[in-house]
Amino acid sequence: MPRVFFNPFTGLYYFLRRKPRRAPVTPEVEQLRAQAKASLPPRLKELADEHGFTYNRVTIKNNISNWGSCSVRGNINLNLRLVTLPQPLQDYVMLHELCHLKEMNHGPKFHALLESLCPNHRTLEKELRQYKLR
């Protein structure tokens, strides 16, 4: 539903329409969610333990704009569509989000950390762009 804003300086009304951030829920989505909940959190824990990361919580989401995210509170969100990707790409996304636990930006320190954990991350990043979130 668009929101209406009034600008008192111009006397004009503006409509703000936001693009939905999540895809609609369908039986296919629920099946993917079940698969994702069964496989992604254990793999994330394996990777975190292997590389010495500690995160707070992992949530499986149905986003249409990203494969994963990390909050400043140490919560990691993973897209349920990760289960449709090959395992190396799944691991790359999870390592990328784990690196955000130490570096919350995409600066040189972040990329150096990611490079140390995943030397072929640039190749994987390019490959990931070939996959659509919908």
Protein backbone atom coordinates (compact mmCIF):
# COMPACT_ATOMS: atom_id res chain seq x y z
CA MET A 1 0.00 0.00 0.00
CA PRO A 2 1.53 3.36 -0.95
CA ARG A 3 2.11 5.88 1.79
CA VAL A 4 1.11 9.50 1.31
CA PHE A 5 3.35 12.34 2.44
CA PHE A 6 2.53 16.03 2.42
CA ASN A 7 5.29 18.60 1.85
CA PRO A 8 4.19 21.80 3.66
CA PHE A 9 6.77 23.88 1.78
CA THR A 10 5.49 23.02 -1.69
CA GLY A 11 1.92 22.13 -0.75
CA LEU A 12 2.23 18.90 -2.73
CA TYR A 13 1.39 15.33 -1.80
CA TYR A 14 3.82 12.52 -2.60
CA PHE A 15 3.17 8.82 -2.86
CA LEU A 16 5.88 6.46 -1.68
CA ARG A 17 5.70 2.95 -3.11
CA ARG A 18 8.15 0.44 -1.77
CA LYS A 19 9.31 -2.59 -3.68
CA PRO A 20 8.44 -5.72 -1.69
CA ARG A 21 11.51 -7.15 0.00
CA ARG A 22 10.32 -10.74 0.15
CA ALA A 23 8.94 -13.09 -2.43
CA PRO A 24 5.42 -14.49 -2.00
CA VAL A 25 4.98 -17.71 -0.02
CA THR A 26 4.10 -20.72 -2.16
CA PRO A 27 4.26 -24.49 -1.58
CA GLU A 28 7.59 -24.48 -3.44
CA VAL A 29 8.90 -21.81 -1.06
CA GLU A 30 7.79 -23.81 1.97
CA GLN A 31 9.58 -26.88 0.60
CA LEU A 32 12.75 -24.83 0.04
CA ARG A 33 12.43 -23.40 3.55
CA ALA A 34 12.26 -26.90 5.05
CA GLN A 35 15.35 -27.95 3.06
CA ALA A 36 17.19 -24.77 4.02
CA LYS A 37 16.41 -25.10 7.73
CA ALA A 38 17.67 -28.69 7.67
CA SER A 39 20.94 -28.07 5.82
CA LEU A 40 22.11 -24.45 6.08
CA PRO A 41 22.38 -23.88 9.88
CA PRO A 42 24.49 -27.03 10.47
CA ARG A 43 26.82 -26.08 7.60
CA LEU A 44 27.10 -22.51 8.88
CA LYS A 45 28.05 -23.87 12.30
CA GLU A 46 30.69 -26.14 10.72
CA LEU A 47 32.23 -23.23 8.84
CA ALA A 48 32.09 -20.95 11.88
CA ASP A 49 33.77 -23.55 14.11
CA GLU A 50 36.37 -24.36 11.46
CA HIS A 51 37.39 -20.71 11.09
CA GLY A 52 36.89 -19.50 14.67
CA PHE A 53 33.76 -17.36 14.25
CA THR A 54 31.00 -16.96 16.80
CA TYR A 55 27.58 -15.79 15.73
CA ASN A 56 24.46 -15.17 17.77
CA ARG A 57 21.60 -16.59 15.72
CA VAL A 58 20.88 -17.80 12.18
CA THR A 59 17.57 -17.12 10.44
CA ILE A 60 16.34 -18.48 7.12
CA LYS A 61 14.51 -15.81 5.12
CA ASN A 62 12.74 -15.52 1.78
CA ASN A 63 14.40 -12.31 0.58
CA ILE A 64 14.40 -11.23 -3.04
CA SER A 65 17.28 -8.78 -2.75
CA ASN A 66 20.18 -10.68 -1.16
CA TRP A 67 21.64 -14.12 -0.52
CA GLY A 68 22.51 -13.33 3.07
CA SER A 69 23.17 -10.62 5.61
CA CYS A 70 24.81 -10.08 8.98
CA SER A 71 23.65 -7.70 11.68
CA VAL A 72 25.79 -5.76 14.14
CA ARG A 73 24.34 -8.02 16.87
CA GLY A 74 25.96 -11.05 15.25
CA ASN A 75 22.78 -12.46 13.72
CA ILE A 76 23.16 -14.07 10.32
CA ASN A 77 20.29 -14.23 7.84
CA LEU A 78 20.46 -16.68 4.95
CA ASN A 79 18.22 -16.80 1.92
CA LEU A 80 16.28 -20.06 1.66
CA ARG A 81 17.17 -20.20 -2.06
CA LEU A 82 20.80 -20.92 -1.13
CA VAL A 83 19.89 -24.60 -1.17
CA THR A 84 19.37 -24.33 -4.95
CA LEU A 85 23.01 -23.30 -5.44
CA PRO A 86 26.03 -25.60 -5.76
CA GLN A 87 27.77 -26.31 -2.45
CA PRO A 88 30.84 -24.11 -3.17
CA LEU A 89 28.58 -21.09 -3.71
CA GLN A 90 26.61 -21.85 -0.55
CA ASP A 91 29.86 -21.99 1.40
CA TYR A 92 31.07 -18.75 -0.21
CA VAL A 93 27.91 -16.87 0.85
CA MET A 94 28.15 -18.23 4.39
CA LEU A 95 31.86 -17.37 4.67
CA HIS A 96 31.11 -13.90 3.31
CA GLU A 97 28.53 -13.34 6.07
CA LEU A 98 30.81 -14.82 8.74
CA CYS A 99 33.53 -12.36 7.70
CA HIS A 100 31.08 -9.55 8.40
CA LEU A 101 31.17 -10.57 12.06
CA LYS A 102 34.71 -9.15 12.18
CA GLU A 103 34.48 -6.50 9.44
CA MET A 104 31.03 -4.95 9.00
CA ASN A 105 31.89 -3.34 5.65
CA HIS A 106 33.33 -4.36 2.29
CA GLY A 107 36.64 -2.58 2.80
CA PRO A 108 40.19 -3.88 2.29
CA LYS A 109 40.30 -5.66 5.68
CA PHE A 110 37.09 -7.49 4.88
CA HIS A 111 38.37 -8.64 1.50
CA ALA A 112 41.72 -9.68 3.00
CA LEU A 113 39.89 -11.79 5.59
CA LEU A 114 37.63 -13.34 2.96
CA GLU A 115 40.64 -14.01 0.73
CA SER A 116 42.37 -15.85 3.58
CA LEU A 117 39.34 -18.11 4.11
CA CYS A 118 38.24 -18.49 0.50
CA PRO A 119 41.10 -17.85 -1.97
CA ASN A 120 38.84 -18.25 -5.01
CA HIS A 121 36.15 -15.88 -3.68
CA ARG A 122 36.31 -13.54 -6.69
CA THR A 123 35.58 -16.40 -9.08
CA LEU A 124 32.74 -17.61 -6.86
CA GLU A 125 31.32 -14.09 -6.62
CA LYS A 126 31.21 -13.84 -10.42
CA GLU A 127 29.60 -17.26 -10.65
CA LEU A 128 26.99 -16.29 -8.04
CA ARG A 129 25.87 -13.37 -10.21
CA GLN A 130 24.68 -15.91 -12.79
CA TYR A 131 21.97 -17.10 -10.37
CA LYS A 132 18.74 -15.20 -9.83
CA LEU A 133 17.00 -14.81 -6.50
CA ARG A 134 13.56 -15.48 -8.00
